[in-house]
């Protein structure tokens, strides 16, 4: 079992290296087993966080599109109301 201090050190190292370099190091077998297992957990968490950010971005995009459509509809109604 790894110590919490080791995991904190590894987390800092992986964040410095980045996801791609960490993946490459795991695949190449550069890490010993405890560090490799932690790397898999860290990479999984990074992927989940990226998926959460993408989902949030899509929601913001949908809201912005809806607001734009509502603005156009209100504008058209305003033009028709002014012409009558």
Protein backbone atom coordinates (compact mmCIF):
# COMPACT_ATOMS: atom_id res chain seq x y z
CA UNK A 1 0.00 0.00 0.00
CA UNK A 2 1.29 3.47 -0.80
CA UNK A 3 1.67 6.32 1.60
CA UNK A 4 -0.41 9.45 1.18
CA UNK A 5 2.77 11.49 0.84
CA UNK A 6 3.89 9.33 -2.08
CA UNK A 7 0.55 9.84 -3.81
CA UNK A 8 0.73 13.60 -3.29
CA UNK A 9 4.22 13.61 -4.80
CA UNK A 10 3.10 11.47 -7.72
CA UNK A 11 0.03 13.66 -8.31
CA UNK A 12 2.27 16.72 -8.50
CA UNK A 13 4.63 14.91 -10.85
CA UNK A 14 1.78 13.78 -13.12
CA UNK A 15 0.27 17.27 -13.22
CA UNK A 16 3.65 18.66 -14.19
CA UNK A 17 4.13 15.97 -16.86
CA UNK A 18 0.62 16.23 -18.27
CA UNK A 19 -1.79 13.52 -19.31
CA UNK A 20 -0.15 12.49 -22.58
CA UNK A 21 3.32 12.13 -21.09
CA UNK A 22 1.91 10.22 -18.11
CA UNK A 23 0.05 7.84 -20.45
CA UNK A 24 3.20 7.33 -22.48
CA UNK A 25 5.22 6.59 -19.33
CA UNK A 26 2.62 4.08 -18.09
CA UNK A 27 2.53 2.30 -21.44
CA UNK A 28 6.32 2.18 -21.63
CA UNK A 29 6.51 0.61 -18.18
CA UNK A 30 8.57 3.37 -16.56
CA UNK A 31 6.66 3.21 -13.25
CA UNK A 32 6.75 0.59 -10.53
CA UNK A 33 3.45 -1.10 -9.70
CA UNK A 34 2.11 1.20 -6.94
CA UNK A 35 2.93 4.30 -8.97
CA UNK A 36 1.46 2.74 -12.10
CA UNK A 37 -1.80 1.93 -10.31
CA UNK A 38 -2.00 5.47 -8.97
CA UNK A 39 -1.27 6.79 -12.48
CA UNK A 40 -4.27 4.85 -13.81
CA UNK A 41 -6.49 6.31 -11.09
CA UNK A 42 -5.17 9.81 -11.73
CA UNK A 43 -5.68 9.49 -15.49
CA UNK A 44 -9.22 8.19 -14.94
CA UNK A 45 -10.01 11.17 -12.74
CA UNK A 46 -8.57 13.52 -15.37
CA UNK A 47 -10.76 11.94 -18.06
CA UNK A 48 -13.86 12.23 -15.87
CA UNK A 49 -13.09 15.88 -15.13
CA UNK A 50 -12.64 16.60 -18.84
CA UNK A 51 -15.96 14.90 -19.60
CA UNK A 52 -17.65 17.00 -16.89
CA UNK A 53 -16.21 20.21 -18.38
CA UNK A 54 -17.35 19.21 -21.87
CA UNK A 55 -20.86 18.49 -20.61
CA UNK A 56 -20.96 21.86 -18.88
CA UNK A 57 -19.75 23.59 -22.03
CA UNK A 58 -22.49 21.92 -24.08
CA UNK A 59 -25.11 23.09 -21.57
CA UNK A 60 -23.81 26.66 -21.78
CA UNK A 61 -23.90 26.43 -25.58
CA UNK A 62 -27.50 25.20 -25.52
CA UNK A 63 -28.53 27.99 -23.14
CA UNK A 64 -26.81 30.60 -25.30
CA UNK A 65 -28.50 29.29 -28.44
CA UNK A 66 -31.88 29.32 -26.71
CA UNK A 67 -31.31 32.89 -25.52
CA UNK A 68 -30.40 33.96 -29.06
CA UNK A 69 -33.52 32.34 -30.53
CA UNK A 70 -35.71 33.97 -27.88
CA UNK A 71 -34.07 37.32 -28.64
CA UNK A 72 -34.81 36.97 -32.36
CA UNK A 73 -38.43 35.99 -31.69
CA UNK A 74 -38.92 38.96 -29.35
CA UNK A 75 -37.32 41.23 -31.94
CA UNK A 76 -39.65 39.98 -34.69
CA UNK A 77 -42.68 40.44 -32.43
CA UNK A 78 -41.48 43.96 -31.63
CA UNK A 79 -41.15 44.83 -35.32
CA UNK A 80 -44.67 43.53 -36.08
CA UNK A 81 -46.09 45.38 -33.09
CA UNK A 82 -44.45 48.63 -34.26
CA UNK A 83 -45.77 48.27 -37.82
CA UNK A 84 -49.39 47.89 -36.75
